[in-house]
C-alpha atoms as a PDB file:
ATOM      1  CA  MET A   1     -21.024 -84.124  54.254  1.00  0.00           C
ATOM      2  CA  PHE A   2     -24.230 -82.744  52.796  1.00  0.00           C
ATOM      3  CA  CYS A   3     -27.768 -82.133  54.005  1.00  0.00           C
ATOM      4  CA  LEU A   4     -30.891 -83.198  52.122  1.00  0.00           C
ATOM      5  CA  ILE A   5     -33.401 -80.387  52.591  1.00  0.00           C
ATOM      6  CA  HIS A   6     -36.800 -82.037  52.265  1.00  0.00           C
ATOM      7  CA  ASN A   7     -38.805 -78.830  52.394  1.00  0.00           C
ATOM      8  CA  THR A   8     -37.120 -77.535  49.262  1.00  0.00           C
ATOM      9  CA  SER A   9     -37.815 -80.816  47.454  1.00  0.00           C
ATOM     10  CA  PHE A  10     -41.488 -80.669  48.391  1.00  0.00           C
ATOM     11  CA  SER A  11     -41.782 -77.057  47.256  1.00  0.00           C
ATOM     12  CA  ILE A  12     -40.268 -78.033  43.889  1.00  0.00           C
ATOM     13  CA  LEU A  13     -42.760 -80.886  43.570  1.00  0.00           C
ATOM     14  CA  GLU A  14     -45.653 -78.564  44.383  1.00  0.00           C
ATOM     15  CA  THR A  15     -44.442 -76.074  41.770  1.00  0.00           C
ATOM     16  CA  VAL A  16     -44.211 -78.805  39.117  1.00  0.00           C
ATOM     17  CA  GLN A  17     -47.713 -80.073  40.012  1.00  0.00           C
ATOM     18  CA  PHE A  18     -49.077 -76.515  39.729  1.00  0.00           C
ATOM     19  CA  ARG A  19     -47.439 -76.042  36.321  1.00  0.00           C
ATOM     20  CA  ARG A  20     -48.853 -79.346  35.168  1.00  0.00           C
ATOM     21  CA  GLN A  21     -52.369 -78.345  36.210  1.00  0.00           C
ATOM     22  CA  LYS A  22     -52.044 -75.073  34.277  1.00  0.00           C
ATOM     23  CA  ASN A  23     -50.519 -76.728  31.195  1.00  0.00           C
ATOM     24  CA  THR A  24     -52.951 -76.893  28.270  1.00  0.00           C
ATOM     25  CA  HIS A  25     -50.460 -78.108  25.645  1.00  0.00           C
ATOM     26  CA  THR A  26     -50.557 -81.549  24.072  1.00  0.00           C
ATOM     27  CA  MET A  27     -48.653 -83.923  26.344  1.00  0.00           C
ATOM     28  CA  LEU A  28     -45.626 -85.825  25.091  1.00  0.00           C
ATOM     29  CA  LYS A  29     -44.700 -89.293  26.254  1.00  0.00           C
ATOM     30  CA  MET A  30     -41.205 -89.816  27.682  1.00  0.00           C
ATOM     31  CA  TYR A  31     -39.214 -92.948  26.910  1.00  0.00           C
ATOM     32  CA  GLN A  32     -35.842 -93.924  28.329  1.00  0.00           C
ATOM     33  CA  PHE A  33     -34.207 -95.763  25.436  1.00  0.00           C
ATOM     34  CA  SER A  34     -34.501 -96.044  21.703  1.00  0.00           C
ATOM     35  CA  ALA A  35     -33.118 -98.656  19.345  1.00  0.00           C
ATOM     36  CA  PRO A  36     -29.371 -98.430  18.598  1.00  0.00           C
ATOM     37  CA  THR A  37     -28.754 -96.071  15.686  1.00  0.00           C
ATOM     38  CA  SER A  38     -24.972 -96.262  15.204  1.00  0.00           C
ATOM     39  CA  SER A  39     -23.438 -98.576  12.616  1.00  0.00           C
ATOM     40  CA  PRO A  40     -22.859-102.099  13.995  1.00  0.00           C
ATOM     41  CA  GLN A  41     -19.826-102.451  11.707  1.00  0.00           C
ATOM     42  CA  LEU A  42     -18.199 -99.272  13.054  1.00  0.00           C
ATOM     43  CA  LEU A  43     -18.984-100.288  16.638  1.00  0.00           C
ATOM     44  CA  THR A  44     -17.264-103.624  16.066  1.00  0.00           C
ATOM     45  CA  GLN A  45     -14.235-101.965  14.453  1.00  0.00           C
ATOM     46  CA  ALA A  46     -13.888 -99.405  17.247  1.00  0.00           C
ATOM     47  CA  GLU A  47     -14.202-102.020  19.973  1.00  0.00           C
ATOM     48  CA  HIS A  48     -11.758-104.401  18.320  1.00  0.00           C
ATOM     49  CA  LEU A  49      -9.175-101.696  17.648  1.00  0.00           C
ATOM     50  CA  GLY A  50      -9.379-100.407  21.222  1.00  0.00           C
ATOM     51  CA  LYS A  51      -8.785-103.873  22.677  1.00  0.00           C
ATOM     52  CA  TRP A  52      -5.986-104.557  20.204  1.00  0.00           C
ATOM     53  CA  ILE A  53      -4.100-101.370  21.153  1.00  0.00           C
ATOM     54  CA  HIS A  54      -4.455-102.071  24.869  1.00  0.00           C
ATOM     55  CA  GLU A  55      -3.126-105.603  24.383  1.00  0.00           C
ATOM     56  CA  ARG A  56      -0.127-104.291  22.449  1.00  0.00           C
ATOM     57  CA  THR A  57       0.767-101.543  24.918  1.00  0.00           C
ATOM     58  CA  LYS A  58       0.005-103.003  28.349  1.00  0.00           C
ATOM     59  CA  ASP A  59       3.012-103.963  30.513  1.00  0.00           C
ATOM     60  CA  THR A  60       5.404-102.206  28.133  1.00  0.00           C
ATOM     61  CA  ASP A  61       8.313-100.010  29.225  1.00  0.00           C
ATOM     62  CA  PHE A  62       8.235 -96.443  27.952  1.00  0.00           C
ATOM     63  CA  PRO A  63      11.203 -94.067  28.268  1.00  0.00           C
ATOM     64  CA  ASN A  64      11.129 -92.519  31.746  1.00  0.00           C
ATOM     65  CA  SER A  65      11.111 -88.789  31.071  1.00  0.00           C
ATOM     66  CA  ASN A  66       8.819 -85.953  32.093  1.00  0.00           C
ATOM     67  CA  ARG A  67       7.771 -85.452  28.461  1.00  0.00           C
ATOM     68  CA  VAL A  68       6.809 -89.101  28.033  1.00  0.00           C
ATOM     69  CA  ARG A  69       5.068 -89.424  31.400  1.00  0.00           C
ATOM     70  CA  VAL A  70       2.835 -86.402  30.783  1.00  0.00           C
ATOM     71  CA  SER A  71       2.154 -87.012  27.093  1.00  0.00           C
ATOM     72  CA  VAL A  72       1.407 -90.725  27.432  1.00  0.00           C
ATOM     73  CA  SER A  73      -0.902 -90.003  30.388  1.00  0.00           C
ATOM     74  CA  LEU A  74      -2.918 -87.630  28.192  1.00  0.00           C
ATOM     75  CA  LEU A  75      -2.880 -89.964  25.192  1.00  0.00           C
ATOM     76  CA  GLN A  76      -3.980 -92.885  27.362  1.00  0.00           C
ATOM     77  CA  HIS A  77      -6.789 -90.684  28.678  1.00  0.00           C
ATOM     78  CA  SER A  78      -7.881 -90.034  25.092  1.00  0.00           C
ATOM     79  CA  LEU A  79      -7.858 -93.781  24.359  1.00  0.00           C
ATOM     80  CA  ASP A  80     -10.013 -94.340  27.446  1.00  0.00           C
ATOM     81  CA  ILE A  81     -12.486 -91.697  26.261  1.00  0.00           C
ATOM     82  CA  ALA A  82     -12.645 -93.415  22.867  1.00  0.00           C
ATOM     83  CA  ASP A  83     -13.445 -96.694  24.635  1.00  0.00           C
ATOM     84  CA  ALA A  84     -16.064 -94.921  26.763  1.00  0.00           C
ATOM     85  CA  THR A  85     -17.844 -93.527  23.688  1.00  0.00           C
ATOM     86  CA  THR A  86     -17.949 -97.012  22.164  1.00  0.00           C
ATOM     87  CA  PHE A  87     -19.361 -98.473  25.367  1.00  0.00           C
ATOM     88  CA  LEU A  88     -21.996 -95.751  25.666  1.00  0.00           C
ATOM     89  CA  LEU A  89     -23.106 -96.082  22.034  1.00  0.00           C
ATOM     90  CA  LYS A  90     -23.269 -99.856  22.363  1.00  0.00           C
ATOM     91  CA  ASN A  91     -25.601 -99.375  25.339  1.00  0.00           C
ATOM     92  CA  ASN A  92     -27.863 -96.837  23.578  1.00  0.00           C
ATOM     93  CA  LEU A  93     -26.529 -93.839  25.532  1.00  0.00           C
ATOM     94  CA  SER A  94     -25.938 -91.676  22.491  1.00  0.00           C
ATOM     95  CA  GLY A  95     -26.151 -88.246  24.176  1.00  0.00           C
ATOM     96  CA  PRO A  96     -23.484 -88.941  26.818  1.00  0.00           C
ATOM     97  CA  ALA A  97     -21.278 -90.444  24.108  1.00  0.00           C
ATOM     98  CA  LEU A  98     -21.563 -87.295  21.968  1.00  0.00           C
ATOM     99  CA  ALA A  99     -20.758 -85.157  25.026  1.00  0.00           C
ATOM    100  CA  LEU A 100     -17.302 -86.800  25.002  1.00  0.00           C
ATOM    101  CA  ALA A 101     -16.526 -85.800  21.402  1.00  0.00           C
ATOM    102  CA  ARG A 102     -14.561 -82.679  22.333  1.00  0.00           C
ATOM    103  CA  PRO A 103     -12.700 -84.182  25.332  1.00  0.00           C
ATOM    104  CA  LEU A 104     -11.669 -87.070  23.057  1.00  0.00           C
ATOM    105  CA  LEU A 105     -10.071 -84.657  20.618  1.00  0.00           C
ATOM    106  CA  GLU A 106      -8.750 -82.249  23.238  1.00  0.00           C
ATOM    107  CA  SER A 107      -6.853 -84.849  25.281  1.00  0.00           C
ATOM    108  CA  TYR A 108      -5.322 -86.276  22.089  1.00  0.00           C
ATOM    109  CA  MET A 109      -4.210 -82.788  20.979  1.00  0.00           C
ATOM    110  CA  ARG A 110      -2.765 -81.909  24.386  1.00  0.00           C
ATOM    111  CA  GLY A 111      -0.872 -85.184  24.518  1.00  0.00           C
ATOM    112  CA  LEU A 112       0.542 -84.504  21.056  1.00  0.00           C
ATOM    113  CA  TRP A 113       1.656 -81.019  22.041  1.00  0.00           C
ATOM    114  CA  VAL A 114       3.575 -82.279  25.069  1.00  0.00           C
ATOM    115  CA  LEU A 115       5.124 -85.131  23.078  1.00  0.00           C
ATOM    116  CA  LEU A 116       6.014 -83.311  19.863  1.00  0.00           C
ATOM    117  CA  CYS A 117       5.952 -79.552  20.443  1.00  0.00           C
ATOM    118  CA  ALA A 118       6.998 -78.639  24.001  1.00  0.00           C
ATOM    119  CA  THR A 119      10.573 -77.350  23.943  1.00  0.00           C
ATOM    120  CA  GLY A 120      11.498 -78.695  27.385  1.00  0.00           C
ATOM    121  CA  ASN A 121      10.470 -79.245  30.995  1.00  0.00           C
ATOM    122  CA  ALA A 122       9.790 -75.542  31.578  1.00  0.00           C
ATOM    123  CA  ASP A 123       7.205 -75.601  28.785  1.00  0.00           C
ATOM    124  CA  ILE A 124       5.607 -78.762  30.173  1.00  0.00           C
ATOM    125  CA  ASP A 125       5.537 -77.438  33.741  1.00  0.00           C
ATOM    126  CA  ASP A 126       3.905 -74.221  32.532  1.00  0.00           C
ATOM    127  CA  PHE A 127       1.264 -76.250  30.685  1.00  0.00           C
ATOM    128  CA  LEU A 128       0.515 -78.337  33.794  1.00  0.00           C
ATOM    129  CA  ALA A 129       0.268 -75.231  35.973  1.00  0.00           C
ATOM    130  CA  HIS A 130      -2.054 -73.351  33.598  1.00  0.00           C
ATOM    131  CA  SER A 131      -3.838 -76.113  31.645  1.00  0.00           C
ATOM    132  CA  SER A 132      -7.266 -74.548  32.259  1.00  0.00           C
ATOM    133  CA  HIS A 133      -6.142 -71.094  31.061  1.00  0.00           C
ATOM    134  CA  PRO A 134      -7.681 -69.761  27.810  1.00  0.00           C
ATOM    135  CA  GLN A 135      -4.243 -69.999  26.164  1.00  0.00           C
ATOM    136  CA  TRP A 136      -4.843 -73.766  26.114  1.00  0.00           C
ATOM    137  CA  SER A 137      -8.267 -73.566  24.507  1.00  0.00           C
ATOM    138  CA  ILE A 138      -8.759 -76.084  21.739  1.00  0.00           C
ATOM    139  CA  LYS A 139      -8.501 -73.367  19.052  1.00  0.00           C
ATOM    140  CA  ARG A 140      -5.225 -71.969  20.351  1.00  0.00           C
ATOM    141  CA  LEU A 141      -3.895 -75.454  20.908  1.00  0.00           C
ATOM    142  CA  ALA A 142      -4.507 -76.246  17.240  1.00  0.00           C
ATOM    143  CA  LYS A 143      -2.342 -73.278  16.232  1.00  0.00           C
ATOM    144  CA  LYS A 144       0.448 -74.545  18.498  1.00  0.00           C
ATOM    145  CA  LEU A 145       0.299 -77.922  16.716  1.00  0.00           C
ATOM    146  CA  ARG A 146       0.453 -76.526  13.184  1.00  0.00           C
ATOM    147  CA  ASN A 147       4.248 -76.671  12.893  1.00  0.00           C
ATOM    148  CA  GLY A 148       5.208 -79.275  15.480  1.00  0.00           C
ATOM    149  CA  ALA A 149       2.736 -82.036  14.624  1.00  0.00           C
ATOM    150  CA  VAL A 150       2.746 -81.864  10.841  1.00  0.00           C
ATOM    151  CA  ASP A 151       1.644 -85.494  10.368  1.00  0.00           C
ATOM    152  CA  HIS A 152      -1.433 -84.924  12.514  1.00  0.00           C
ATOM    153  CA  TYR A 153      -2.385 -81.327  11.772  1.00  0.00           C
ATOM    154  CA  PRO A 154      -4.346 -81.811   8.488  1.00  0.00           C
ATOM    155  CA  TRP A 155      -6.721 -84.237  10.208  1.00  0.00           C
ATOM    156  CA  ILE A 156      -6.976 -82.025  13.320  1.00  0.00           C
ATOM    157  CA  GLU A 157      -7.858 -79.056  11.116  1.00  0.00           C
ATOM    158  CA  LEU A 158     -10.554 -81.130   9.444  1.00  0.00           C
ATOM    159  CA  ALA A 159     -11.937 -82.282  12.816  1.00  0.00           C
ATOM    160  CA  LEU A 160     -12.030 -78.703  14.098  1.00  0.00           C
ATOM    161  CA  SER A 161     -14.131 -77.574  11.137  1.00  0.00           C
ATOM    162  CA  GLU A 162     -17.063 -78.773  13.283  1.00  0.00           C
ATOM    163  CA  LEU A 163     -15.881 -76.981  16.431  1.00  0.00           C
ATOM    164  CA  GLU A 164     -19.210 -75.238  17.109  1.00  0.00           C
ATOM    165  CA  GLU A 165     -20.969 -78.613  17.096  1.00  0.00           C
ATOM    166  CA  LEU A 166     -18.318 -79.971  19.485  1.00  0.00           C
ATOM    167  CA  HIS A 167     -18.966 -77.087  21.874  1.00  0.00           C
ATOM    168  CA  ASP A 168     -22.730 -77.611  21.569  1.00  0.00           C
ATOM    169  CA  VAL A 169     -22.716 -81.315  22.495  1.00  0.00           C
ATOM    170  CA  THR A 170     -20.232 -80.694  25.319  1.00  0.00           C
ATOM    171  CA  HIS A 171     -22.396 -78.025  26.934  1.00  0.00           C
ATOM    172  CA  ALA A 172     -25.838 -79.641  26.489  1.00  0.00           C
ATOM    173  CA  GLY A 173     -26.908 -77.348  23.687  1.00  0.00           C
ATOM    174  CA  PHE A 174     -29.402 -77.454  20.842  1.00  0.00           C
ATOM    175  CA  LEU A 175     -28.135 -80.727  19.359  1.00  0.00           C
ATOM    176  CA  HIS A 176     -29.045 -82.577  22.553  1.00  0.00           C
ATOM    177  CA  VAL A 177     -32.511 -81.013  22.604  1.00  0.00           C
ATOM    178  CA  ALA A 178     -33.028 -81.932  18.944  1.00  0.00           C
ATOM    179  CA  GLY A 179     -31.650 -85.388  19.682  1.00  0.00           C
ATOM    180  CA  HIS A 180     -34.375 -86.069  22.248  1.00  0.00           C
ATOM    181  CA  LEU A 181     -37.485 -84.879  20.443  1.00  0.00           C
ATOM    182  CA  THR A 182     -39.877 -86.514  18.033  1.00  0.00           C
ATOM    183  CA  GLU A 183     -43.352 -85.327  17.058  1.00  0.00           C
ATOM    184  CA  THR A 184     -44.983 -87.448  19.746  1.00  0.00           C
ATOM    185  CA  ALA A 185     -42.357 -88.234  22.393  1.00  0.00           C
ATOM    186  CA  ILE A 186     -39.258 -87.213  24.278  1.00  0.00           C
ATOM    187  CA  GLN A 187     -36.669 -89.944  23.817  1.00  0.00           C
ATOM    188  CA  PRO A 188     -33.150 -90.361  22.415  1.00  0.00           C
ATOM    189  CA  ASN A 189     -33.515 -89.727  18.702  1.00  0.00           C
ATOM    190  CA  TYR A 190     -30.001 -88.958  17.444  1.00  0.00           C
ATOM    191  CA  HIS A 191     -29.285 -89.526  13.772  1.00  0.00           C
ATOM    192  CA  ARG A 192     -26.965 -92.288  12.619  1.00  0.00           C
ATOM    193  CA  PRO A 193     -24.568 -89.926  10.738  1.00  0.00           C
ATOM    194  CA  GLN A 194     -23.883 -88.059  14.017  1.00  0.00           C
ATOM    195  CA  LEU A 195     -23.097 -91.266  15.883  1.00  0.00           C
ATOM    196  CA  ASP A 196     -21.106 -92.827  13.064  1.00  0.00           C
ATOM    197  CA  ALA A 197     -19.009 -89.646  12.820  1.00  0.00           C
ATOM    198  CA  LEU A 198     -18.159 -90.000  16.521  1.00  0.00           C
ATOM    199  CA  LEU A 199     -17.147 -93.628  16.041  1.00  0.00           C
ATOM    200  CA  GLU A 200     -15.052 -92.672  13.011  1.00  0.00           C
ATOM    201  CA  ARG A 201     -13.332 -89.945  15.028  1.00  0.00           C
ATOM    202  CA  GLY A 202     -12.629 -92.387  17.847  1.00  0.00           C
ATOM    203  CA  ILE A 203     -11.119 -94.902  15.435  1.00  0.00           C
ATOM    204  CA  GLU A 204      -8.935 -92.227  13.830  1.00  0.00           C
ATOM    205  CA  VAL A 205      -7.719 -90.935  17.212  1.00  0.00           C
ATOM    206  CA  ARG A 206      -6.888 -94.496  18.298  1.00  0.00           C
ATOM    207  CA  ILE A 207      -4.867 -95.119  15.137  1.00  0.00           C
ATOM    208  CA  ARG A 208      -2.902 -91.885  15.459  1.00  0.00           C
ATOM    209  CA  ILE A 209      -2.177 -92.361  19.158  1.00  0.00           C
ATOM    210  CA  ALA A 210      -1.131 -95.980  18.609  1.00  0.00           C
ATOM    211  CA  CYS A 211       1.385 -94.872  15.960  1.00  0.00           C
ATOM    212  CA  GLU A 212       2.986 -92.447  18.425  1.00  0.00           C
ATOM    213  CA  LEU A 213       3.033 -95.000  21.252  1.00  0.00           C
ATOM    214  CA  PHE A 214       4.627 -97.673  19.066  1.00  0.00           C
ATOM    215  CA  ALA A 215       7.178 -95.123  17.839  1.00  0.00           C
ATOM    216  CA  LEU A 216       8.124 -94.367  21.452  1.00  0.00           C
ATOM    217  CA  LEU A 217       8.484 -98.092  22.079  1.00  0.00           C
ATOM    218  CA  LYS A 218      10.476 -98.520  18.844  1.00  0.00           C
ATOM    219  CA  ASP A 219       8.020-101.273  18.005  1.00  0.00           C
ATOM    220  CA  ALA A 220       8.137-101.472  14.205  1.00  0.00           C
ATOM    221  CA  GLU A 221       6.342-104.825  14.187  1.00  0.00           C
ATOM    222  CA  SER A 222       3.269-103.348  15.929  1.00  0.00           C
ATOM    223  CA  ILE A 223       3.204-100.407  13.501  1.00  0.00           C
ATOM    224  CA  GLU A 224       3.190-102.865  10.615  1.00  0.00           C
ATOM    225  CA  SER A 225       0.460-104.945  12.294  1.00  0.00           C
ATOM    226  CA  LEU A 226      -1.593-101.802  12.890  1.00  0.00           C
ATOM    227  CA  HIS A 227      -1.327-100.902   9.201  1.00  0.00           C
ATOM    228  CA  HIS A 228      -2.482-104.411   8.263  1.00  0.00           C
ATOM    229  CA  LEU A 229      -5.404-104.274  10.716  1.00  0.00           C
ATOM    230  CA  VAL A 230      -6.590-100.830   9.626  1.00  0.00           C
ATOM    231  CA  SER A 231      -6.391-101.793   5.942  1.00  0.00           C
ATOM    232  CA  LYS A 232      -9.317-104.136   6.611  1.00  0.00           C
ATOM    233  CA  PHE A 233     -11.447-101.191   7.740  1.00  0.00           C
ATOM    234  CA  ASN A 234     -11.521 -99.628   4.250  1.00  0.00           C
ATOM    235  CA  ARG A 235     -10.466 -96.230   5.610  1.00  0.00           C
ATOM    236  CA  LYS A 236      -9.159 -93.453   3.403  1.00  0.00           C
ATOM    237  CA  PRO A 237      -5.825 -91.990   4.574  1.00  0.00           C
ATOM    238  CA  ILE A 238      -5.803 -88.288   5.495  1.00  0.00           C
END
């Protein structure tokens, strides 16, 4: 239960009205939406790949072990975040989509660690009990993946080269302020390279997670189909 304290709301309104009366600066107009600025081709690729992976993995039987249950839960969460970013960008909600850039990467990395690096149930239980501890920060997690996830680490290292930007968009920093200002208005004004980079990252995470899921399922046919599908995207291997 919660209480709505009207007096406080009115006092806030009065304060804002007072500030407005005292304000002598040039006023800016505020707009809710701007035109889509992400690449339509990348949006289509991301959406199609996400649906394709879900179709290939739904109603499938994974090995029933603690390692698989925890890792696949985290990897599925990362896939869902990738789908969420695509949905948000498609609906012109660029800022909220960018705010998911670090969680997208973090859930993928955590899932990989449990799947490929944890030495046993004691390791996994310790992770679950202390997952918010600084020892599981994204930087320290990357170091834990260096030896155990050798096929993934070069791309992870590349993605983490922009770690400060990931922190900034997660915590509503400068990039969100800059992304809402023009000379004459306050409105979403993010640049296409920023949004395309997020879509690219989401596509890459989907591909890498799908490979691990199909490997768990011993589904060589889906791995081959994934390779064929991705070859149409003109992506450079990392």
